[in-house]
Amino acid sequence: MSQPTAHVRDISDADFDTAVLARSHQVPVLVDFWAPWCGPCRMLGPVLEKLAEERNGAFELAKLDTDKNPKTAAKFGIRGIPHVMIFKNGRSVDQFVGAKPEDAVRAFLNRHCPSAAEQHMAAAQQHLAAGDQAAAEKALGEALSAEPGHAGANLAMARLALHRRDAAAVHAHIARIPAMAPERDQATHIEQAATLVATVLDGNGTGDENTLAARIAETPGDHAARYALGVHHLAAGRYREALDAFLEVVERDRKWQDQAARKAMLTVFGLVGVRDPLADEYRRKLMIFS
């Protein structure tokens, strides 16, 4: 038996209609059909309970022991456990079978009962798509107020901090991302980019973008100027322009500064996503000079 809390409770055949069907008109109810002998159930149960407490009322978790309550299990055609169903407005709207990992359960919940943090994250994504970084940052801040350890919000804030060339903020947000979170890989690339920006642009007198462009126009073989201009583009999130600049350095002198331009391109691939079409396009171009 689970430990009853404000958001987790054990239910039976007798109170299913009240605890689930009626209650789901007020708040989504996630029903965990399980049994004590079921190993996968014992793996999934703590994940569901953790998320119920973490989301603090975004949904309620009702746990039904199918051995003790065969009537309800038969009514809903439960043949394998663990079997999870989510109820809204008196009916089942989605389900899954088996002990899914926490990330998959989170994704399932986000479709039906997003937490306050997830709602703010969705708003932030809309603002980013519209090009309104200030509004996006405000929404991300609200997401982090609701859930300080939210990996996606911290990752997005780190990326915005990179665009502001605020290395300290980049590292602070990335430090809050759990080591095993899926976002960790991209977070590593953002940190690499922040280090690159700080090393090349901050305090080194490389000049602004206009100054660098003038240097290149005057001396097309000025690899340092072209490389620095690429880093400016990277910091601003203009990834195609950054890749163009780095690629031209590679084309003119592949081994310049211990292949610095090639390495910078790999950093950009990580920022956009290694399977992103932009990364694929420039990876093919880079292969010509490798």
C-alpha atoms as a PDB file:
ATOM      1  CA  MET A   1       0.000   0.000   0.000  1.00  0.00           C
ATOM      2  CA  SER A   2       1.199   3.485  -0.789  1.00  0.00           C
ATOM      3  CA  GLN A   3       1.374   6.226   1.814  1.00  0.00           C
ATOM      4  CA  PRO A   4      -1.731   8.428   1.322  1.00  0.00           C
ATOM      5  CA  THR A   5      -1.020  12.124   0.750  1.00  0.00           C
ATOM      6  CA  ALA A   6      -2.954  15.099  -0.552  1.00  0.00           C
ATOM      7  CA  HIS A   7      -2.226  13.974  -4.115  1.00  0.00           C
ATOM      8  CA  VAL A   8      -1.880  10.171  -3.808  1.00  0.00           C
ATOM      9  CA  ARG A   9      -4.455   7.737  -2.476  1.00  0.00           C
ATOM     10  CA  ASP A  10      -5.356   4.068  -2.585  1.00  0.00           C
ATOM     11  CA  ILE A  11      -8.778   3.295  -4.039  1.00  0.00           C
ATOM     12  CA  SER A  12     -11.030   0.269  -4.401  1.00  0.00           C
ATOM     13  CA  ASP A  13     -13.962  -1.038  -6.432  1.00  0.00           C
ATOM     14  CA  ALA A  14     -16.274   0.551  -3.884  1.00  0.00           C
ATOM     15  CA  ASP A  15     -15.067   4.134  -4.234  1.00  0.00           C
ATOM     16  CA  PHE A  16     -13.791   4.164  -7.834  1.00  0.00           C
ATOM     17  CA  ASP A  17     -16.775   6.104  -9.177  1.00  0.00           C
ATOM     18  CA  THR A  18     -16.398   8.804  -6.534  1.00  0.00           C
ATOM     19  CA  ALA A  19     -12.595   8.952  -6.311  1.00  0.00           C
ATOM     20  CA  VAL A  20     -11.967   8.791 -10.041  1.00  0.00           C
ATOM     21  CA  LEU A  21     -14.956   9.410 -12.287  1.00  0.00           C
ATOM     22  CA  ALA A  22     -16.580  12.152 -10.230  1.00  0.00           C
ATOM     23  CA  ARG A  23     -13.330  13.672  -9.046  1.00  0.00           C
ATOM     24  CA  SER A  24     -11.971  13.881 -12.617  1.00  0.00           C
ATOM     25  CA  HIS A  25     -14.517  16.616 -13.343  1.00  0.00           C
ATOM     26  CA  GLN A  26     -12.499  18.844 -10.975  1.00  0.00           C
ATOM     27  CA  VAL A  27      -8.918  17.672 -11.641  1.00  0.00           C
ATOM     28  CA  PRO A  28      -7.312  15.009 -13.871  1.00  0.00           C
ATOM     29  CA  VAL A  29      -7.000  11.660 -12.081  1.00  0.00           C
ATOM     30  CA  LEU A  30      -4.246   9.210 -12.976  1.00  0.00           C
ATOM     31  CA  VAL A  31      -5.151   5.620 -12.077  1.00  0.00           C
ATOM     32  CA  ASP A  32      -2.295   3.178 -11.477  1.00  0.00           C
ATOM     33  CA  PHE A  33      -3.567  -0.408 -11.847  1.00  0.00           C
ATOM     34  CA  TRP A  34      -0.972  -2.484 -10.013  1.00  0.00           C
ATOM     35  CA  ALA A  35      -0.389  -5.465  -7.692  1.00  0.00           C
ATOM     36  CA  PRO A  36       2.152  -6.094  -4.915  1.00  0.00           C
ATOM     37  CA  TRP A  37       3.741  -9.087  -6.688  1.00  0.00           C
ATOM     38  CA  CYS A  38       4.402  -7.108  -9.895  1.00  0.00           C
ATOM     39  CA  GLY A  39       8.068  -6.059 -10.207  1.00  0.00           C
ATOM     40  CA  PRO A  40       7.502  -3.419 -12.920  1.00  0.00           C
ATOM     41  CA  CYS A  41       4.694  -1.987 -10.786  1.00  0.00           C
ATOM     42  CA  ARG A  42       7.124  -1.474  -7.920  1.00  0.00           C
ATOM     43  CA  MET A  43       9.433   0.361 -10.340  1.00  0.00           C
ATOM     44  CA  LEU A  44       6.748   2.622 -11.800  1.00  0.00           C
ATOM     45  CA  GLY A  45       4.816   3.356  -8.598  1.00  0.00           C
ATOM     46  CA  PRO A  46       7.452   5.569  -6.927  1.00  0.00           C
ATOM     47  CA  VAL A  47       7.884   7.543 -10.165  1.00  0.00           C
ATOM     48  CA  LEU A  48       4.150   8.261 -10.338  1.00  0.00           C
ATOM     49  CA  GLU A  49       4.036   9.213  -6.662  1.00  0.00           C
ATOM     50  CA  LYS A  50       7.044  11.512  -7.020  1.00  0.00           C
ATOM     51  CA  LEU A  51       5.478  13.322  -9.972  1.00  0.00           C
ATOM     52  CA  ALA A  52       2.127  13.641  -8.212  1.00  0.00           C
ATOM     53  CA  GLU A  53       3.789  15.398  -5.277  1.00  0.00           C
ATOM     54  CA  GLU A  54       6.076  17.441  -7.523  1.00  0.00           C
ATOM     55  CA  ARG A  55       3.161  18.760  -9.582  1.00  0.00           C
ATOM     56  CA  ASN A  56       1.316  19.705  -6.433  1.00  0.00           C
ATOM     57  CA  GLY A  57      -2.285  19.298  -7.536  1.00  0.00           C
ATOM     58  CA  ALA A  58      -1.971  19.374 -11.325  1.00  0.00           C
ATOM     59  CA  PHE A  59      -3.352  15.817 -11.125  1.00  0.00           C
ATOM     60  CA  GLU A  60      -4.261  13.247  -8.479  1.00  0.00           C
ATOM     61  CA  LEU A  61      -2.870   9.719  -8.382  1.00  0.00           C
ATOM     62  CA  ALA A  62      -5.283   6.904  -7.522  1.00  0.00           C
ATOM     63  CA  LYS A  63      -3.685   3.470  -6.972  1.00  0.00           C
ATOM     64  CA  LEU A  64      -5.852   0.388  -7.441  1.00  0.00           C
ATOM     65  CA  ASP A  65      -4.624  -3.093  -6.428  1.00  0.00           C
ATOM     66  CA  THR A  66      -6.044  -5.327  -9.178  1.00  0.00           C
ATOM     67  CA  ASP A  67      -5.810  -8.449  -7.013  1.00  0.00           C
ATOM     68  CA  LYS A  68      -8.109  -6.941  -4.398  1.00  0.00           C
ATOM     69  CA  ASN A  69     -10.321  -5.084  -6.878  1.00  0.00           C
ATOM     70  CA  PRO A  70     -10.905  -7.343  -9.907  1.00  0.00           C
ATOM     71  CA  LYS A  71     -14.274  -5.787 -10.757  1.00  0.00           C
ATOM     72  CA  THR A  72     -12.855  -2.424 -11.811  1.00  0.00           C
ATOM     73  CA  ALA A  73      -9.866  -4.039 -13.517  1.00  0.00           C
ATOM     74  CA  ALA A  74     -12.230  -6.230 -15.575  1.00  0.00           C
ATOM     75  CA  LYS A  75     -14.476  -3.268 -16.377  1.00  0.00           C
ATOM     76  CA  PHE A  76     -11.580  -1.406 -18.009  1.00  0.00           C
ATOM     77  CA  GLY A  77     -10.088  -4.459 -19.699  1.00  0.00           C
ATOM     78  CA  ILE A  78      -6.894  -4.523 -17.657  1.00  0.00           C
ATOM     79  CA  ARG A  79      -4.901  -7.574 -18.731  1.00  0.00           C
ATOM     80  CA  GLY A  80      -1.310  -6.537 -18.047  1.00  0.00           C
ATOM     81  CA  ILE A  81       0.107  -4.396 -15.260  1.00  0.00           C
ATOM     82  CA  PRO A  82       1.252  -1.843 -14.527  1.00  0.00           C
ATOM     83  CA  HIS A  83      -1.474  -0.190 -16.570  1.00  0.00           C
ATOM     84  CA  VAL A  84      -1.960   3.564 -16.219  1.00  0.00           C
ATOM     85  CA  MET A  85      -5.060   5.456 -17.318  1.00  0.00           C
ATOM     86  CA  ILE A  86      -5.781   9.159 -17.046  1.00  0.00           C
ATOM     87  CA  PHE A  87      -9.353  10.345 -16.497  1.00  0.00           C
ATOM     88  CA  LYS A  88     -10.782  13.775 -17.285  1.00  0.00           C
ATOM     89  CA  ASN A  89     -14.430  14.802 -17.071  1.00  0.00           C
ATOM     90  CA  GLY A  90     -15.544  11.329 -16.093  1.00  0.00           C
ATOM     91  CA  ARG A  91     -13.845   9.317 -18.835  1.00  0.00           C
ATOM     92  CA  SER A  92     -10.508   7.804 -19.733  1.00  0.00           C
ATOM     93  CA  VAL A  93      -8.640   9.972 -22.254  1.00  0.00           C
ATOM     94  CA  ASP A  94      -5.276   8.186 -22.521  1.00  0.00           C
ATOM     95  CA  GLN A  95      -3.310   5.248 -21.136  1.00  0.00           C
ATOM     96  CA  PHE A  96      -0.076   3.298 -21.251  1.00  0.00           C
ATOM     97  CA  VAL A  97       1.097  -0.151 -20.168  1.00  0.00           C
ATOM     98  CA  GLY A  98       4.434  -1.056 -18.628  1.00  0.00           C
ATOM     99  CA  ALA A  99       7.060   0.595 -16.449  1.00  0.00           C
ATOM    100  CA  LYS A 100       8.038   3.597 -18.548  1.00  0.00           C
ATOM    101  CA  PRO A 101      11.044   5.742 -17.552  1.00  0.00           C
ATOM    102  CA  GLU A 102      10.426   9.010 -15.747  1.00  0.00           C
ATOM    103  CA  ASP A 103      11.016  11.167 -18.831  1.00  0.00           C
ATOM    104  CA  ALA A 104       8.361   9.255 -20.772  1.00  0.00           C
ATOM    105  CA  VAL A 105       5.887   9.570 -17.888  1.00  0.00           C
ATOM    106  CA  ARG A 106       6.570  13.310 -17.722  1.00  0.00           C
ATOM    107  CA  ALA A 107       5.864  13.631 -21.438  1.00  0.00           C
ATOM    108  CA  PHE A 108       2.619  11.684 -20.982  1.00  0.00           C
ATOM    109  CA  LEU A 109       1.540  13.983 -18.154  1.00  0.00           C
ATOM    110  CA  ASN A 110       2.507  17.125 -20.041  1.00  0.00           C
ATOM    111  CA  ARG A 111      -0.030  16.276 -22.725  1.00  0.00           C
ATOM    112  CA  HIS A 112      -2.904  16.178 -20.267  1.00  0.00           C
ATOM    113  CA  CYS A 113      -2.053  18.009 -17.056  1.00  0.00           C
ATOM    114  CA  PRO A 114       0.976  20.239 -17.459  1.00  0.00           C
ATOM    115  CA  SER A 115       2.452  21.648 -14.284  1.00  0.00           C
ATOM    116  CA  ALA A 116       2.632  25.398 -13.729  1.00  0.00           C
ATOM    117  CA  ALA A 117       6.267  25.242 -14.832  1.00  0.00           C
ATOM    118  CA  GLU A 118       5.327  23.442 -18.052  1.00  0.00           C
ATOM    119  CA  GLN A 119       2.627  26.001 -18.800  1.00  0.00           C
ATOM    120  CA  HIS A 120       5.153  28.816 -18.421  1.00  0.00           C
ATOM    121  CA  MET A 121       7.590  26.841 -20.587  1.00  0.00           C
ATOM    122  CA  ALA A 122       4.988  26.577 -23.348  1.00  0.00           C
ATOM    123  CA  ALA A 123       4.460  30.337 -23.188  1.00  0.00           C
ATOM    124  CA  ALA A 124       8.222  30.902 -23.337  1.00  0.00           C
ATOM    125  CA  GLN A 125       8.506  28.751 -26.461  1.00  0.00           C
ATOM    126  CA  GLN A 126       5.776  30.800 -28.123  1.00  0.00           C
ATOM    127  CA  HIS A 127       7.590  34.032 -27.264  1.00  0.00           C
ATOM    128  CA  LEU A 128      10.869  32.652 -28.588  1.00  0.00           C
ATOM    129  CA  ALA A 129       9.200  31.610 -31.834  1.00  0.00           C
ATOM    130  CA  ALA A 130       7.888  35.167 -32.154  1.00  0.00           C
ATOM    131  CA  GLY A 131      11.352  36.597 -31.495  1.00  0.00           C
ATOM    132  CA  ASP A 132      10.417  38.213 -28.176  1.00  0.00           C
ATOM    133  CA  GLN A 133      13.324  37.208 -25.956  1.00  0.00           C
ATOM    134  CA  ALA A 134      12.354  39.559 -23.110  1.00  0.00           C
ATOM    135  CA  ALA A 135       8.913  37.985 -22.785  1.00  0.00           C
ATOM    136  CA  ALA A 136      10.436  34.519 -23.120  1.00  0.00           C
ATOM    137  CA  GLU A 137      12.898  35.220 -20.320  1.00  0.00           C
ATOM    138  CA  LYS A 138      10.079  36.463 -18.076  1.00  0.00           C
ATOM    139  CA  ALA A 139       8.063  33.284 -18.727  1.00  0.00           C
ATOM    140  CA  LEU A 140      11.125  31.119 -18.073  1.00  0.00           C
ATOM    141  CA  GLY A 141      11.706  32.961 -14.808  1.00  0.00           C
ATOM    142  CA  GLU A 142       8.127  32.144 -13.797  1.00  0.00           C
ATOM    143  CA  ALA A 143       8.708  28.501 -14.713  1.00  0.00           C
ATOM    144  CA  LEU A 144      11.779  28.428 -12.483  1.00  0.00           C
ATOM    145  CA  SER A 145       9.898  30.124  -9.660  1.00  0.00           C
ATOM    146  CA  ALA A 146       7.402  27.271  -9.813  1.00  0.00           C
ATOM    147  CA  GLU A 147      10.069  24.584 -10.241  1.00  0.00           C
ATOM    148  CA  PRO A 148      13.668  25.791  -9.666  1.00  0.00           C
ATOM    149  CA  GLY A 149      15.206  22.571 -10.917  1.00  0.00           C
ATOM    150  CA  HIS A 150      13.244  22.434 -14.175  1.00  0.00           C
ATOM    151  CA  ALA A 151      15.864  21.194 -16.645  1.00  0.00           C
ATOM    152  CA  GLY A 152      14.233  22.595 -19.776  1.00  0.00           C
ATOM    153  CA  ALA A 153      13.760  26.063 -18.291  1.00  0.00           C
ATOM    154  CA  ASN A 154      17.333  26.181 -17.010  1.00  0.00           C
ATOM    155  CA  LEU A 155      18.616  25.064 -20.406  1.00  0.00           C
ATOM    156  CA  ALA A 156      16.605  27.767 -22.184  1.00  0.00           C
ATOM    157  CA  MET A 157      17.794  30.408 -19.709  1.00  0.00           C
ATOM    158  CA  ALA A 158      21.389  29.297 -20.251  1.00  0.00           C
ATOM    159  CA  ARG A 159      20.954  29.731 -23.999  1.00  0.00           C
ATOM    160  CA  LEU A 160      19.531  33.241 -23.538  1.00  0.00           C
ATOM    161  CA  ALA A 161      22.421  34.065 -21.211  1.00  0.00           C
ATOM    162  CA  LEU A 162      24.800  32.891 -23.939  1.00  0.00           C
ATOM    163  CA  HIS A 163      23.171  35.337 -26.355  1.00  0.00           C
ATOM    164  CA  ARG A 164      23.760  38.101 -23.770  1.00  0.00           C
ATOM    165  CA  ARG A 165      27.364  36.897 -23.376  1.00  0.00           C
ATOM    166  CA  ASP A 166      26.757  36.369 -19.660  1.00  0.00           C
ATOM    167  CA  ALA A 167      29.001  33.388 -18.947  1.00  0.00           C
ATOM    168  CA  ALA A 168      28.320  33.438 -15.203  1.00  0.00           C
ATOM    169  CA  ALA A 169      24.569  33.082 -15.777  1.00  0.00           C
ATOM    170  CA  VAL A 170      25.181  30.298 -18.311  1.00  0.00           C
ATOM    171  CA  HIS A 171      27.159  28.275 -15.784  1.00  0.00           C
ATOM    172  CA  ALA A 172      24.704  29.018 -12.954  1.00  0.00           C
ATOM    173  CA  HIS A 173      21.695  27.716 -14.886  1.00  0.00           C
ATOM    174  CA  ILE A 174      23.514  24.681 -16.212  1.00  0.00           C
ATOM    175  CA  ALA A 175      24.654  23.785 -12.692  1.00  0.00           C
ATOM    176  CA  ARG A 176      20.962  23.371 -11.782  1.00  0.00           C
ATOM    177  CA  ILE A 177      20.341  20.770 -14.488  1.00  0.00           C
ATOM    178  CA  PRO A 178      20.470  17.232 -13.030  1.00  0.00           C
ATOM    179  CA  ALA A 179      23.414  15.169 -14.213  1.00  0.00           C
ATOM    180  CA  MET A 180      21.202  12.460 -15.719  1.00  0.00           C
ATOM    181  CA  ALA A 181      18.701  14.814 -17.387  1.00  0.00           C
ATOM    182  CA  PRO A 182      18.394  14.484 -21.195  1.00  0.00           C
ATOM    183  CA  GLU A 183      19.114  18.230 -21.432  1.00  0.00           C
ATOM    184  CA  ARG A 184      22.589  17.704 -20.012  1.00  0.00           C
ATOM    185  CA  ASP A 185      24.198  16.904 -23.356  1.00  0.00           C
ATOM    186  CA  GLN A 186      23.064  20.154 -24.971  1.00  0.00           C
ATOM    187  CA  ALA A 187      23.935  22.026 -21.792  1.00  0.00           C
ATOM    188  CA  THR A 188      27.533  20.883 -22.259  1.00  0.00           C
ATOM    189  CA  HIS A 189      27.589  22.429 -25.730  1.00  0.00           C
ATOM    190  CA  ILE A 190      26.190  25.712 -24.383  1.00  0.00           C
ATOM    191  CA  GLU A 191      28.956  25.803 -21.776  1.00  0.00           C
ATOM    192  CA  GLN A 192      31.538  25.130 -24.476  1.00  0.00           C
ATOM    193  CA  ALA A 193      30.092  27.992 -26.523  1.00  0.00           C
ATOM    194  CA  ALA A 194      30.143  30.331 -23.517  1.00  0.00           C
ATOM    195  CA  THR A 195      33.795  29.484 -22.924  1.00  0.00           C
ATOM    196  CA  LEU A 196      34.572  30.091 -26.598  1.00  0.00           C
ATOM    197  CA  VAL A 197      32.807  33.459 -26.560  1.00  0.00           C
ATOM    198  CA  ALA A 198      34.585  34.541 -23.377  1.00  0.00           C
ATOM    199  CA  THR A 199      37.977  33.427 -24.705  1.00  0.00           C
ATOM    200  CA  VAL A 200      37.721  35.026 -28.140  1.00  0.00           C
ATOM    201  CA  LEU A 201      35.617  38.142 -27.593  1.00  0.00           C
ATOM    202  CA  ASP A 202      35.720  39.309 -23.998  1.00  0.00           C
ATOM    203  CA  GLY A 203      38.673  41.540 -23.146  1.00  0.00           C
ATOM    204  CA  ASN A 204      40.768  40.556 -26.147  1.00  0.00           C
ATOM    205  CA  GLY A 205      40.264  43.694 -28.216  1.00  0.00           C
ATOM    206  CA  THR A 206      38.938  41.788 -31.232  1.00  0.00           C
ATOM    207  CA  GLY A 207      36.518  44.586 -32.085  1.00  0.00           C
ATOM    208  CA  ASP A 208      32.814  44.666 -32.870  1.00  0.00           C
ATOM    209  CA  GLU A 209      31.195  43.047 -35.885  1.00  0.00           C
ATOM    210  CA  ASN A 210      31.538  46.120 -38.115  1.00  0.00           C
ATOM    211  CA  THR A 211      35.238  46.442 -37.318  1.00  0.00           C
ATOM    212  CA  LEU A 212      35.823  42.763 -38.054  1.00  0.00           C
ATOM    213  CA  ALA A 213      33.857  42.914 -41.309  1.00  0.00           C
ATOM    214  CA  ALA A 214      35.998  45.888 -42.405  1.00  0.00           C
ATOM    215  CA  ARG A 215      39.171  43.957 -41.608  1.00  0.00           C
ATOM    216  CA  ILE A 216      38.001  41.007 -43.671  1.00  0.00           C
ATOM    217  CA  ALA A 217      37.015  43.228 -46.599  1.00  0.00           C
ATOM    218  CA  GLU A 218      40.474  44.743 -46.566  1.00  0.00           C
ATOM    219  CA  THR A 219      42.320  41.461 -45.983  1.00  0.00           C
ATOM    220  CA  PRO A 220      40.237  38.395 -46.951  1.00  0.00           C
ATOM    221  CA  GLY A 221      42.931  36.121 -45.529  1.00  0.00           C
ATOM    222  CA  ASP A 222      42.585  37.570 -42.024  1.00  0.00           C
ATOM    223  CA  HIS A 223      41.568  34.302 -40.397  1.00  0.00           C
ATOM    224  CA  ALA A 224      41.529  35.743 -36.885  1.00  0.00           C
ATOM    225  CA  ALA A 225      39.013  38.415 -37.895  1.00  0.00           C
ATOM    226  CA  ARG A 226      36.790  35.939 -39.729  1.00  0.00           C
ATOM    227  CA  TYR A 227      36.940  33.490 -36.832  1.00  0.00           C
ATOM    228  CA  ALA A 228      36.070  36.226 -34.312  1.00  0.00           C
ATOM    229  CA  LEU A 229      33.177  37.355 -36.517  1.00  0.00           C
ATOM    230  CA  GLY A 230      31.924  33.774 -36.500  1.00  0.00           C
ATOM    231  CA  VAL A 231      32.047  33.775 -32.707  1.00  0.00           C
ATOM    232  CA  HIS A 232      29.990  37.001 -32.668  1.00  0.00           C
ATOM    233  CA  HIS A 233      27.377  35.268 -34.835  1.00  0.00           C
ATOM    234  CA  LEU A 234      27.432  32.210 -32.565  1.00  0.00           C
ATOM    235  CA  ALA A 235      26.919  34.326 -29.436  1.00  0.00           C
ATOM    236  CA  ALA A 236      23.930  36.062 -31.047  1.00  0.00           C
ATOM    237  CA  GLY A 237      22.334  32.785 -32.112  1.00  0.00           C
ATOM    238  CA  ARG A 238      22.948  33.394 -35.828  1.00  0.00           C
ATOM    239  CA  TYR A 239      24.151  29.855 -36.355  1.00  0.00           C
ATOM    240  CA  ARG A 240      24.159  29.697 -40.157  1.00  0.00           C
ATOM    241  CA  GLU A 241      26.240  32.884 -40.371  1.00  0.00           C
ATOM    242  CA  ALA A 242      28.612  31.480 -37.737  1.00  0.00           C
ATOM    243  CA  LEU A 243      29.025  28.244 -39.676  1.00  0.00           C
ATOM    244  CA  ASP A 244      29.664  30.142 -42.908  1.00  0.00           C
ATOM    245  CA  ALA A 245      32.445  32.150 -41.256  1.00  0.00           C
ATOM    246  CA  PHE A 246      34.073  29.131 -39.621  1.00  0.00           C
ATOM    247  CA  LEU A 247      33.792  27.051 -42.789  1.00  0.00           C
ATOM    248  CA  GLU A 248      35.594  29.684 -44.830  1.00  0.00           C
ATOM    249  CA  VAL A 249      38.463  29.659 -42.352  1.00  0.00           C
ATOM    250  CA  VAL A 250      38.617  25.868 -42.679  1.00  0.00           C
ATOM    251  CA  GLU A 251      38.535  26.164 -46.465  1.00  0.00           C
ATOM    252  CA  ARG A 252      41.403  28.697 -46.482  1.00  0.00           C
ATOM    253  CA  ASP A 253      43.526  27.007 -43.791  1.00  0.00           C
ATOM    254  CA  ARG A 254      42.176  23.805 -42.279  1.00  0.00           C
ATOM    255  CA  LYS A 255      44.904  23.608 -39.621  1.00  0.00           C
ATOM    256  CA  TRP A 256      44.774  27.258 -38.534  1.00  0.00           C
ATOM    257  CA  GLN A 257      45.191  27.598 -34.747  1.00  0.00           C
ATOM    258  CA  ASP A 258      45.028  23.839 -34.175  1.00  0.00           C
ATOM    259  CA  GLN A 259      41.817  23.496 -36.250  1.00  0.00           C
ATOM    260  CA  ALA A 260      40.025  26.112 -34.144  1.00  0.00           C
ATOM    261  CA  ALA A 261      37.409  26.851 -36.819  1.00  0.00           C
ATOM    262  CA  ARG A 262      36.568  23.181 -37.297  1.00  0.00           C
ATOM    263  CA  LYS A 263      36.174  22.739 -33.536  1.00  0.00           C
ATOM    264  CA  ALA A 264      33.945  25.817 -33.397  1.00  0.00           C
ATOM    265  CA  MET A 265      31.726  24.269 -36.068  1.00  0.00           C
ATOM    266  CA  LEU A 266      31.356  21.156 -33.923  1.00  0.00           C
ATOM    267  CA  THR A 267      30.262  23.370 -31.040  1.00  0.00           C
ATOM    268  CA  VAL A 268      27.583  24.942 -33.230  1.00  0.00           C
ATOM    269  CA  PHE A 269      26.395  21.490 -34.307  1.00  0.00           C
ATOM    270  CA  GLY A 270      25.887  20.697 -30.632  1.00  0.00           C
ATOM    271  CA  LEU A 271      23.993  23.947 -30.057  1.00  0.00           C
ATOM    272  CA  VAL A 272      21.496  23.383 -32.863  1.00  0.00           C
ATOM    273  CA  GLY A 273      21.298  19.626 -32.266  1.00  0.00           C
ATOM    274  CA  VAL A 274      23.525  17.072 -33.925  1.00  0.00           C
ATOM    275  CA  ARG A 275      20.590  15.741 -35.995  1.00  0.00           C
ATOM    276  CA  ASP A 276      19.333  19.178 -36.988  1.00  0.00           C
ATOM    277  CA  PRO A 277      19.158  19.773 -40.791  1.00  0.00           C
ATOM    278  CA  LEU A 278      21.519  22.754 -40.426  1.00  0.00           C
ATOM    279  CA  ALA A 279      24.105  20.569 -38.712  1.00  0.00           C
ATOM    280  CA  ASP A 280      23.707  17.888 -41.379  1.00  0.00           C
ATOM    281  CA  GLU A 281      24.144  20.468 -44.164  1.00  0.00           C
ATOM    282  CA  TYR A 282      27.371  21.906 -42.788  1.00  0.00           C
ATOM    283  CA  ARG A 283      28.720  18.563 -41.655  1.00  0.00           C
ATOM    284  CA  ARG A 284      28.628  17.475 -45.299  1.00  0.00           C
ATOM    285  CA  LYS A 285      30.418  20.679 -46.333  1.00  0.00           C
ATOM    286  CA  LEU A 286      33.016  20.213 -43.615  1.00  0.00           C
ATOM    287  CA  MET A 287      33.770  16.662 -44.745  1.00  0.00           C
ATOM    288  CA  ILE A 288      35.187  18.031 -48.019  1.00  0.00           C
ATOM    289  CA  PHE A 289      38.049  19.658 -46.090  1.00  0.00           C
ATOM    290  CA  SER A 290      38.634  16.898 -43.549  1.00  0.00           C
END
